[in-house]
């Protein structure tokens, strides 16, 4: 008996990470039938317009995350959702992140509940614990690039450690993780939140502090794929998604144990 491909919807499919995920999953047509949505048909500023893969017209729709009805219609008929769309700017004001990151995430979760979609991967951020990096030693030594003060063995921040957001963007990601947990508990949704590191269109970083949190294109698409497959079982999980960098300060052992993720790259 032939199994039908999983119908997956990616929010923010023309953003950097969203389109990388689309390219990766759509290359496996026997497993995934991939759809997507965005506020517009143009690629985001963070993405490389020349390398964006366009979706077929019947697999893409315009949907602003703040428009609950549009979000509901966009994910109709899906088996799983990759919620990647967001305002990704750490300098954004509360008003900027409110409609997309907070109201928008609520709209996605609520649409999944109404449509009976039980599988969701949420693109959270390493910035949920950025305060460790900015304010606490020895992580601050990496952030400030004080090489002589960086220990040979860096104690790793784990998903069980308290969050430490530093501005509205990272705080919105903490809020969204909490609401994902609520929908898992109350509505039996299987959800994996990925605290993704620094992904950029150049796929490399130059500065020491940026290298410490870097996540390669290969590693981010791999962990998204693994998280999606993991939602076949009822679960709520939070996992870090970064490459195995020399000055990495977040734990990847939990990601290996829970998802089978082993970073292939490092800086």
C-alpha atoms as a PDB file:
ATOM      1  CA  UNK A   1       0.000   0.000   0.000  1.00  0.00           C
ATOM      2  CA  UNK A   2       1.392   3.390  -1.026  1.00  0.00           C
ATOM      3  CA  UNK A   3       1.447   6.060   1.683  1.00  0.00           C
ATOM      4  CA  UNK A   4       0.359   9.517   0.611  1.00  0.00           C
ATOM      5  CA  UNK A   5       2.907  12.299   1.089  1.00  0.00           C
ATOM      6  CA  UNK A   6       2.469  14.371   4.229  1.00  0.00           C
ATOM      7  CA  UNK A   7       0.835  17.700   3.396  1.00  0.00           C
ATOM      8  CA  UNK A   8       2.984  20.326   5.084  1.00  0.00           C
ATOM      9  CA  UNK A   9       2.352  24.072   5.215  1.00  0.00           C
ATOM     10  CA  UNK A  10       5.230  26.504   5.800  1.00  0.00           C
ATOM     11  CA  UNK A  11       4.416  29.994   7.047  1.00  0.00           C
ATOM     12  CA  UNK A  12       6.949  32.560   5.862  1.00  0.00           C
ATOM     13  CA  UNK A  13       7.910  30.347   2.953  1.00  0.00           C
ATOM     14  CA  UNK A  14       9.671  33.183   1.107  1.00  0.00           C
ATOM     15  CA  UNK A  15      11.822  34.077   4.086  1.00  0.00           C
ATOM     16  CA  UNK A  16      15.363  32.785   4.482  1.00  0.00           C
ATOM     17  CA  UNK A  17      14.704  29.800   6.752  1.00  0.00           C
ATOM     18  CA  UNK A  18      11.231  29.151   5.365  1.00  0.00           C
ATOM     19  CA  UNK A  19      12.523  28.789   1.828  1.00  0.00           C
ATOM     20  CA  UNK A  20      15.474  26.663   2.886  1.00  0.00           C
ATOM     21  CA  UNK A  21      12.967  24.345   4.565  1.00  0.00           C
ATOM     22  CA  UNK A  22      10.814  24.347   1.438  1.00  0.00           C
ATOM     23  CA  UNK A  23      13.751  23.444  -0.806  1.00  0.00           C
ATOM     24  CA  UNK A  24      14.784  20.635   1.529  1.00  0.00           C
ATOM     25  CA  UNK A  25      11.341  19.075   1.998  1.00  0.00           C
ATOM     26  CA  UNK A  26      10.100  19.526  -1.568  1.00  0.00           C
ATOM     27  CA  UNK A  27      13.157  17.568  -2.742  1.00  0.00           C
ATOM     28  CA  UNK A  28      11.493  14.559  -1.068  1.00  0.00           C
ATOM     29  CA  UNK A  29       8.181  14.399  -2.977  1.00  0.00           C
ATOM     30  CA  UNK A  30       7.446  10.827  -1.932  1.00  0.00           C
ATOM     31  CA  UNK A  31       7.360  11.968   1.711  1.00  0.00           C
ATOM     32  CA  UNK A  32       6.152  15.565   1.622  1.00  0.00           C
ATOM     33  CA  UNK A  33       3.708  17.649  -0.382  1.00  0.00           C
ATOM     34  CA  UNK A  34       4.775  21.148   0.593  1.00  0.00           C
ATOM     35  CA  UNK A  35       2.615  24.278   0.621  1.00  0.00           C
ATOM     36  CA  UNK A  36       3.367  27.743   1.902  1.00  0.00           C
ATOM     37  CA  UNK A  37       2.154  31.221   2.675  1.00  0.00           C
ATOM     38  CA  UNK A  38       3.520  34.691   3.215  1.00  0.00           C
ATOM     39  CA  UNK A  39       2.485  38.324   3.419  1.00  0.00           C
ATOM     40  CA  UNK A  40       3.678  38.848  -0.134  1.00  0.00           C
ATOM     41  CA  UNK A  41       5.182  37.012  -3.075  1.00  0.00           C
ATOM     42  CA  UNK A  42       8.523  38.811  -2.743  1.00  0.00           C
ATOM     43  CA  UNK A  43      11.346  37.224  -0.773  1.00  0.00           C
ATOM     44  CA  UNK A  44      12.267  38.731   2.582  1.00  0.00           C
ATOM     45  CA  UNK A  45      15.251  41.054   2.950  1.00  0.00           C
ATOM     46  CA  UNK A  46      17.203  38.344   4.790  1.00  0.00           C
ATOM     47  CA  UNK A  47      16.862  35.887   1.904  1.00  0.00           C
ATOM     48  CA  UNK A  48      18.844  35.821  -1.328  1.00  0.00           C
ATOM     49  CA  UNK A  49      16.289  36.672  -4.020  1.00  0.00           C
ATOM     50  CA  UNK A  50      18.362  34.892  -6.671  1.00  0.00           C
ATOM     51  CA  UNK A  51      18.309  31.567  -4.819  1.00  0.00           C
ATOM     52  CA  UNK A  52      14.676  31.565  -3.696  1.00  0.00           C
ATOM     53  CA  UNK A  53      12.654  28.616  -4.972  1.00  0.00           C
ATOM     54  CA  UNK A  54       9.168  29.639  -6.048  1.00  0.00           C
ATOM     55  CA  UNK A  55       6.155  27.539  -5.154  1.00  0.00           C
ATOM     56  CA  UNK A  56       3.571  26.478  -7.749  1.00  0.00           C
ATOM     57  CA  UNK A  57       0.591  28.832  -7.733  1.00  0.00           C
ATOM     58  CA  UNK A  58      -1.698  26.135  -6.346  1.00  0.00           C
ATOM     59  CA  UNK A  59       0.664  25.561  -3.410  1.00  0.00           C
ATOM     60  CA  UNK A  60       1.070  29.185  -2.270  1.00  0.00           C
ATOM     61  CA  UNK A  61      -1.290  31.756  -0.812  1.00  0.00           C
ATOM     62  CA  UNK A  62      -1.042  35.256   0.585  1.00  0.00           C
ATOM     63  CA  UNK A  63      -1.786  35.256   4.305  1.00  0.00           C
ATOM     64  CA  UNK A  64      -0.860  37.883   6.865  1.00  0.00           C
ATOM     65  CA  UNK A  65      -0.354  36.214  10.250  1.00  0.00           C
ATOM     66  CA  UNK A  66      -2.441  38.920  11.904  1.00  0.00           C
ATOM     67  CA  UNK A  67      -5.443  37.911   9.760  1.00  0.00           C
ATOM     68  CA  UNK A  68      -6.932  34.898  11.548  1.00  0.00           C
ATOM     69  CA  UNK A  69      -9.319  34.049   8.712  1.00  0.00           C
ATOM     70  CA  UNK A  70      -6.515  34.095   6.136  1.00  0.00           C
ATOM     71  CA  UNK A  71      -4.320  31.876   8.308  1.00  0.00           C
ATOM     72  CA  UNK A  72      -7.190  29.456   8.857  1.00  0.00           C
ATOM     73  CA  UNK A  73      -7.824  29.202   5.129  1.00  0.00           C
ATOM     74  CA  UNK A  74      -4.116  28.832   4.320  1.00  0.00           C
ATOM     75  CA  UNK A  75      -3.640  25.717   6.445  1.00  0.00           C
ATOM     76  CA  UNK A  76      -6.921  24.050   5.534  1.00  0.00           C
ATOM     77  CA  UNK A  77      -6.368  20.430   4.550  1.00  0.00           C
ATOM     78  CA  UNK A  78      -2.819  20.212   5.898  1.00  0.00           C
ATOM     79  CA  UNK A  79      -1.370  17.401   7.995  1.00  0.00           C
ATOM     80  CA  UNK A  80       1.348  19.493   9.638  1.00  0.00           C
ATOM     81  CA  UNK A  81       2.509  23.103   9.906  1.00  0.00           C
ATOM     82  CA  UNK A  82       6.005  24.575  10.059  1.00  0.00           C
ATOM     83  CA  UNK A  83       5.442  27.966  11.663  1.00  0.00           C
ATOM     84  CA  UNK A  84       8.500  29.963  10.621  1.00  0.00           C
ATOM     85  CA  UNK A  85       7.080  33.390   9.723  1.00  0.00           C
ATOM     86  CA  UNK A  86       7.901  36.197  12.155  1.00  0.00           C
ATOM     87  CA  UNK A  87       9.343  39.645  12.509  1.00  0.00           C
ATOM     88  CA  UNK A  88      12.969  38.490  13.003  1.00  0.00           C
ATOM     89  CA  UNK A  89      14.477  41.803  14.102  1.00  0.00           C
ATOM     90  CA  UNK A  90      15.933  42.074  17.640  1.00  0.00           C
ATOM     91  CA  UNK A  91      15.679  45.865  17.347  1.00  0.00           C
ATOM     92  CA  UNK A  92      11.944  45.734  16.621  1.00  0.00           C
ATOM     93  CA  UNK A  93       9.547  47.486  18.963  1.00  0.00           C
ATOM     94  CA  UNK A  94       6.818  45.701  20.903  1.00  0.00           C
ATOM     95  CA  UNK A  95       4.264  47.030  18.431  1.00  0.00           C
ATOM     96  CA  UNK A  96       6.281  45.522  15.566  1.00  0.00           C
ATOM     97  CA  UNK A  97       6.397  42.015  17.061  1.00  0.00           C
ATOM     98  CA  UNK A  98       2.893  42.050  18.529  1.00  0.00           C
ATOM     99  CA  UNK A  99       0.909  41.391  15.352  1.00  0.00           C
ATOM    100  CA  UNK A 100       3.217  38.810  13.760  1.00  0.00           C
ATOM    101  CA  UNK A 101       5.065  37.064  16.562  1.00  0.00           C
ATOM    102  CA  UNK A 102       2.406  37.074  19.271  1.00  0.00           C
ATOM    103  CA  UNK A 103      -1.023  37.466  17.670  1.00  0.00           C
ATOM    104  CA  UNK A 104       0.201  35.645  14.560  1.00  0.00           C
ATOM    105  CA  UNK A 105       1.426  32.620  16.504  1.00  0.00           C
ATOM    106  CA  UNK A 106      -1.857  32.477  18.386  1.00  0.00           C
ATOM    107  CA  UNK A 107      -3.711  32.567  15.057  1.00  0.00           C
ATOM    108  CA  UNK A 108      -1.629  29.677  13.697  1.00  0.00           C
ATOM    109  CA  UNK A 109      -2.168  27.549  16.805  1.00  0.00           C
ATOM    110  CA  UNK A 110      -5.873  28.302  16.910  1.00  0.00           C
ATOM    111  CA  UNK A 111      -6.281  27.522  13.209  1.00  0.00           C
ATOM    112  CA  UNK A 112      -4.530  24.188  13.782  1.00  0.00           C
ATOM    113  CA  UNK A 113      -6.903  23.436  16.644  1.00  0.00           C
ATOM    114  CA  UNK A 114      -9.984  24.266  14.589  1.00  0.00           C
ATOM    115  CA  UNK A 115      -8.759  22.281  11.583  1.00  0.00           C
ATOM    116  CA  UNK A 116      -7.702  19.268  13.634  1.00  0.00           C
ATOM    117  CA  UNK A 117      -4.032  19.620  12.661  1.00  0.00           C
ATOM    118  CA  UNK A 118      -2.065  17.922  15.411  1.00  0.00           C
ATOM    119  CA  UNK A 119       1.522  18.383  14.195  1.00  0.00           C
ATOM    120  CA  UNK A 120       3.453  21.652  14.403  1.00  0.00           C
ATOM    121  CA  UNK A 121       7.087  22.733  14.392  1.00  0.00           C
ATOM    122  CA  UNK A 122       7.664  26.240  15.730  1.00  0.00           C
ATOM    123  CA  UNK A 123      10.745  28.257  14.764  1.00  0.00           C
ATOM    124  CA  UNK A 124      11.799  29.783  18.051  1.00  0.00           C
ATOM    125  CA  UNK A 125      15.200  31.374  18.569  1.00  0.00           C
ATOM    126  CA  UNK A 126      18.445  31.039  20.473  1.00  0.00           C
ATOM    127  CA  UNK A 127      17.671  34.597  21.551  1.00  0.00           C
ATOM    128  CA  UNK A 128      15.234  33.256  24.147  1.00  0.00           C
ATOM    129  CA  UNK A 129      18.397  32.826  26.234  1.00  0.00           C
ATOM    130  CA  UNK A 130      20.419  35.708  24.766  1.00  0.00           C
ATOM    131  CA  UNK A 131      20.787  37.321  28.177  1.00  0.00           C
ATOM    132  CA  UNK A 132      23.263  34.618  29.150  1.00  0.00           C
ATOM    133  CA  UNK A 133      25.355  35.629  26.132  1.00  0.00           C
ATOM    134  CA  UNK A 134      25.155  39.363  26.801  1.00  0.00           C
ATOM    135  CA  UNK A 135      25.315  39.549  30.577  1.00  0.00           C
ATOM    136  CA  UNK A 136      26.633  36.370  32.203  1.00  0.00           C
ATOM    137  CA  UNK A 137      30.157  35.033  32.336  1.00  0.00           C
ATOM    138  CA  UNK A 138      31.739  33.094  30.746  1.00  0.00           C
ATOM    139  CA  UNK A 139      29.305  33.608  27.862  1.00  0.00           C
ATOM    140  CA  UNK A 140      29.763  37.368  27.947  1.00  0.00           C
ATOM    141  CA  UNK A 141      33.448  36.887  27.174  1.00  0.00           C
ATOM    142  CA  UNK A 142      32.432  35.230  23.900  1.00  0.00           C
ATOM    143  CA  UNK A 143      29.900  37.974  23.151  1.00  0.00           C
ATOM    144  CA  UNK A 144      32.513  40.682  23.753  1.00  0.00           C
ATOM    145  CA  UNK A 145      35.205  38.619  21.984  1.00  0.00           C
ATOM    146  CA  UNK A 146      37.552  38.640  24.970  1.00  0.00           C
ATOM    147  CA  UNK A 147      39.426  35.593  23.748  1.00  0.00           C
ATOM    148  CA  UNK A 148      41.745  35.263  26.765  1.00  0.00           C
ATOM    149  CA  UNK A 149      38.750  35.050  29.119  1.00  0.00           C
ATOM    150  CA  UNK A 150      36.962  32.249  27.261  1.00  0.00           C
ATOM    151  CA  UNK A 151      37.402  28.923  29.101  1.00  0.00           C
ATOM    152  CA  UNK A 152      38.518  25.812  27.258  1.00  0.00           C
ATOM    153  CA  UNK A 153      35.337  24.055  28.378  1.00  0.00           C
ATOM    154  CA  UNK A 154      32.263  26.249  28.045  1.00  0.00           C
ATOM    155  CA  UNK A 155      29.346  25.223  30.295  1.00  0.00           C
ATOM    156  CA  UNK A 156      26.324  24.750  28.063  1.00  0.00           C
ATOM    157  CA  UNK A 157      22.985  26.497  28.534  1.00  0.00           C
ATOM    158  CA  UNK A 158      20.270  23.832  28.431  1.00  0.00           C
ATOM    159  CA  UNK A 159      16.597  23.975  27.532  1.00  0.00           C
ATOM    160  CA  UNK A 160      15.856  23.285  31.211  1.00  0.00           C
ATOM    161  CA  UNK A 161      17.621  26.509  32.238  1.00  0.00           C
ATOM    162  CA  UNK A 162      15.521  29.659  32.709  1.00  0.00           C
ATOM    163  CA  UNK A 163      14.944  31.780  29.633  1.00  0.00           C
ATOM    164  CA  UNK A 164      16.646  35.167  29.458  1.00  0.00           C
ATOM    165  CA  UNK A 165      15.213  37.375  26.705  1.00  0.00           C
ATOM    166  CA  UNK A 166      16.708  40.814  26.233  1.00  0.00           C
ATOM    167  CA  UNK A 167      14.151  42.749  24.144  1.00  0.00           C
ATOM    168  CA  UNK A 168      10.613  42.430  22.675  1.00  0.00           C
ATOM    169  CA  UNK A 169      11.635  40.072  19.860  1.00  0.00           C
ATOM    170  CA  UNK A 170      13.208  37.431  22.097  1.00  0.00           C
ATOM    171  CA  UNK A 171      10.463  37.890  24.693  1.00  0.00           C
ATOM    172  CA  UNK A 172       7.871  37.205  21.981  1.00  0.00           C
ATOM    173  CA  UNK A 173       9.612  33.902  21.236  1.00  0.00           C
ATOM    174  CA  UNK A 174       9.485  32.929  24.921  1.00  0.00           C
ATOM    175  CA  UNK A 175       5.770  33.756  24.962  1.00  0.00           C
ATOM    176  CA  UNK A 176       5.171  31.671  21.847  1.00  0.00           C
ATOM    177  CA  UNK A 177       6.969  28.665  23.337  1.00  0.00           C
ATOM    178  CA  UNK A 178       4.682  28.916  26.344  1.00  0.00           C
ATOM    179  CA  UNK A 179       1.589  29.074  24.203  1.00  0.00           C
ATOM    180  CA  UNK A 180       2.773  26.088  22.171  1.00  0.00           C
ATOM    181  CA  UNK A 181       3.011  24.205  25.463  1.00  0.00           C
ATOM    182  CA  UNK A 182      -0.540  25.259  26.291  1.00  0.00           C
ATOM    183  CA  UNK A 183      -1.887  23.889  23.010  1.00  0.00           C
ATOM    184  CA  UNK A 184      -0.013  20.637  23.533  1.00  0.00           C
ATOM    185  CA  UNK A 185      -1.509  20.211  26.998  1.00  0.00           C
ATOM    186  CA  UNK A 186      -5.063  21.319  26.243  1.00  0.00           C
ATOM    187  CA  UNK A 187      -5.523  20.170  22.654  1.00  0.00           C
ATOM    188  CA  UNK A 188      -3.202  17.160  22.318  1.00  0.00           C
ATOM    189  CA  UNK A 189      -1.057  18.797  19.663  1.00  0.00           C
ATOM    190  CA  UNK A 190       2.416  17.391  19.027  1.00  0.00           C
ATOM    191  CA  UNK A 191       4.774  20.367  18.945  1.00  0.00           C
ATOM    192  CA  UNK A 192       8.527  20.845  18.724  1.00  0.00           C
ATOM    193  CA  UNK A 193       9.957  24.330  19.309  1.00  0.00           C
ATOM    194  CA  UNK A 194      13.374  24.855  17.738  1.00  0.00           C
ATOM    195  CA  UNK A 195      15.639  27.512  19.229  1.00  0.00           C
ATOM    196  CA  UNK A 196      17.432  28.222  15.986  1.00  0.00           C
ATOM    197  CA  UNK A 197      20.802  29.954  15.923  1.00  0.00           C
ATOM    198  CA  UNK A 198      22.132  32.555  13.522  1.00  0.00           C
ATOM    199  CA  UNK A 199      21.207  31.602   9.970  1.00  0.00           C
ATOM    200  CA  UNK A 200      22.313  33.997   7.238  1.00  0.00           C
ATOM    201  CA  UNK A 201      22.148  33.980   3.459  1.00  0.00           C
ATOM    202  CA  UNK A 202      25.955  33.888   3.120  1.00  0.00           C
ATOM    203  CA  UNK A 203      25.959  30.611   5.105  1.00  0.00           C
ATOM    204  CA  UNK A 204      29.036  31.597   7.105  1.00  0.00           C
ATOM    205  CA  UNK A 205      30.025  34.104   9.785  1.00  0.00           C
ATOM    206  CA  UNK A 206      33.168  36.144  10.286  1.00  0.00           C
ATOM    207  CA  UNK A 207      33.101  37.523  13.839  1.00  0.00           C
ATOM    208  CA  UNK A 208      33.814  35.287  16.827  1.00  0.00           C
ATOM    209  CA  UNK A 209      30.551  36.123  18.589  1.00  0.00           C
ATOM    210  CA  UNK A 210      28.529  35.392  15.442  1.00  0.00           C
ATOM    211  CA  UNK A 211      30.373  32.120  14.861  1.00  0.00           C
ATOM    212  CA  UNK A 212      29.424  30.978  18.362  1.00  0.00           C
ATOM    213  CA  UNK A 213      25.708  30.986  17.499  1.00  0.00           C
ATOM    214  CA  UNK A 214      25.907  30.206  13.780  1.00  0.00           C
ATOM    215  CA  UNK A 215      23.670  27.584  12.213  1.00  0.00           C
ATOM    216  CA  UNK A 216      24.441  26.409   8.691  1.00  0.00           C
ATOM    217  CA  UNK A 217      21.817  25.953   6.002  1.00  0.00           C
ATOM    218  CA  UNK A 218      22.459  22.213   6.082  1.00  0.00           C
ATOM    219  CA  UNK A 219      22.040  21.968   9.847  1.00  0.00           C
ATOM    220  CA  UNK A 220      18.910  24.119  10.057  1.00  0.00           C
ATOM    221  CA  UNK A 221      17.107  22.176   7.339  1.00  0.00           C
ATOM    222  CA  UNK A 222      18.163  18.884   8.894  1.00  0.00           C
ATOM    223  CA  UNK A 223      16.842  19.736  12.352  1.00  0.00           C
ATOM    224  CA  UNK A 224      13.584  21.091  10.916  1.00  0.00           C
ATOM    225  CA  UNK A 225      13.114  17.843   8.998  1.00  0.00           C
ATOM    226  CA  UNK A 226      13.887  15.767  12.092  1.00  0.00           C
ATOM    227  CA  UNK A 227      11.511  17.837  14.225  1.00  0.00           C
ATOM    228  CA  UNK A 228       8.736  17.435  11.669  1.00  0.00           C
ATOM    229  CA  UNK A 229       9.195  13.669  11.617  1.00  0.00           C
ATOM    230  CA  UNK A 230       9.296  13.593  15.425  1.00  0.00           C
ATOM    231  CA  UNK A 231       5.771  15.007  15.650  1.00  0.00           C
ATOM    232  CA  UNK A 232       4.370  11.656  14.538  1.00  0.00           C
ATOM    233  CA  UNK A 233       4.445  10.846  18.269  1.00  0.00           C
ATOM    234  CA  UNK A 234       2.585  12.941  20.876  1.00  0.00           C
ATOM    235  CA  UNK A 235       5.122  15.290  22.430  1.00  0.00           C
ATOM    236  CA  UNK A 236       6.074  18.782  23.449  1.00  0.00           C
ATOM    237  CA  UNK A 237       9.734  19.596  23.178  1.00  0.00           C
ATOM    238  CA  UNK A 238      12.155  22.489  22.973  1.00  0.00           C
ATOM    239  CA  UNK A 239      15.498  21.885  21.241  1.00  0.00           C
ATOM    240  CA  UNK A 240      18.422  24.071  20.274  1.00  0.00           C
ATOM    241  CA  UNK A 241      19.341  24.135  16.604  1.00  0.00           C
ATOM    242  CA  UNK A 242      22.857  25.431  15.982  1.00  0.00           C
ATOM    243  CA  UNK A 243      25.976  24.121  14.308  1.00  0.00           C
ATOM    244  CA  UNK A 244      28.772  22.530  16.341  1.00  0.00           C
ATOM    245  CA  UNK A 245      30.782  25.717  16.692  1.00  0.00           C
ATOM    246  CA  UNK A 246      34.072  26.111  18.573  1.00  0.00           C
ATOM    247  CA  UNK A 247      32.560  28.568  21.067  1.00  0.00           C
ATOM    248  CA  UNK A 248      29.050  27.118  21.117  1.00  0.00           C
ATOM    249  CA  UNK A 249      27.392  27.833  24.471  1.00  0.00           C
ATOM    250  CA  UNK A 250      24.053  26.024  24.114  1.00  0.00           C
ATOM    251  CA  UNK A 251      23.455  22.323  24.615  1.00  0.00           C
ATOM    252  CA  UNK A 252      22.946  20.023  21.630  1.00  0.00           C
ATOM    253  CA  UNK A 253      22.821  16.740  23.527  1.00  0.00           C
ATOM    254  CA  UNK A 254      19.099  17.142  24.167  1.00  0.00           C
ATOM    255  CA  UNK A 255      18.558  17.717  20.433  1.00  0.00           C
ATOM    256  CA  UNK A 256      20.461  14.517  19.692  1.00  0.00           C
ATOM    257  CA  UNK A 257      18.543  12.492  22.271  1.00  0.00           C
ATOM    258  CA  UNK A 258      15.102  13.767  21.333  1.00  0.00           C
ATOM    259  CA  UNK A 259      15.404  14.297  17.580  1.00  0.00           C
ATOM    260  CA  UNK A 260      18.515  12.444  16.487  1.00  0.00           C
ATOM    261  CA  UNK A 261      20.122  15.733  15.441  1.00  0.00           C
ATOM    262  CA  UNK A 262      23.891  15.735  15.002  1.00  0.00           C
ATOM    263  CA  UNK A 263      25.306  18.975  13.602  1.00  0.00           C
ATOM    264  CA  UNK A 264      27.349  18.477  10.436  1.00  0.00           C
ATOM    265  CA  UNK A 265      28.968  21.906  10.312  1.00  0.00           C
ATOM    266  CA  UNK A 266      30.805  24.243  12.658  1.00  0.00           C
ATOM    267  CA  UNK A 267      32.592  27.574  12.816  1.00  0.00           C
END
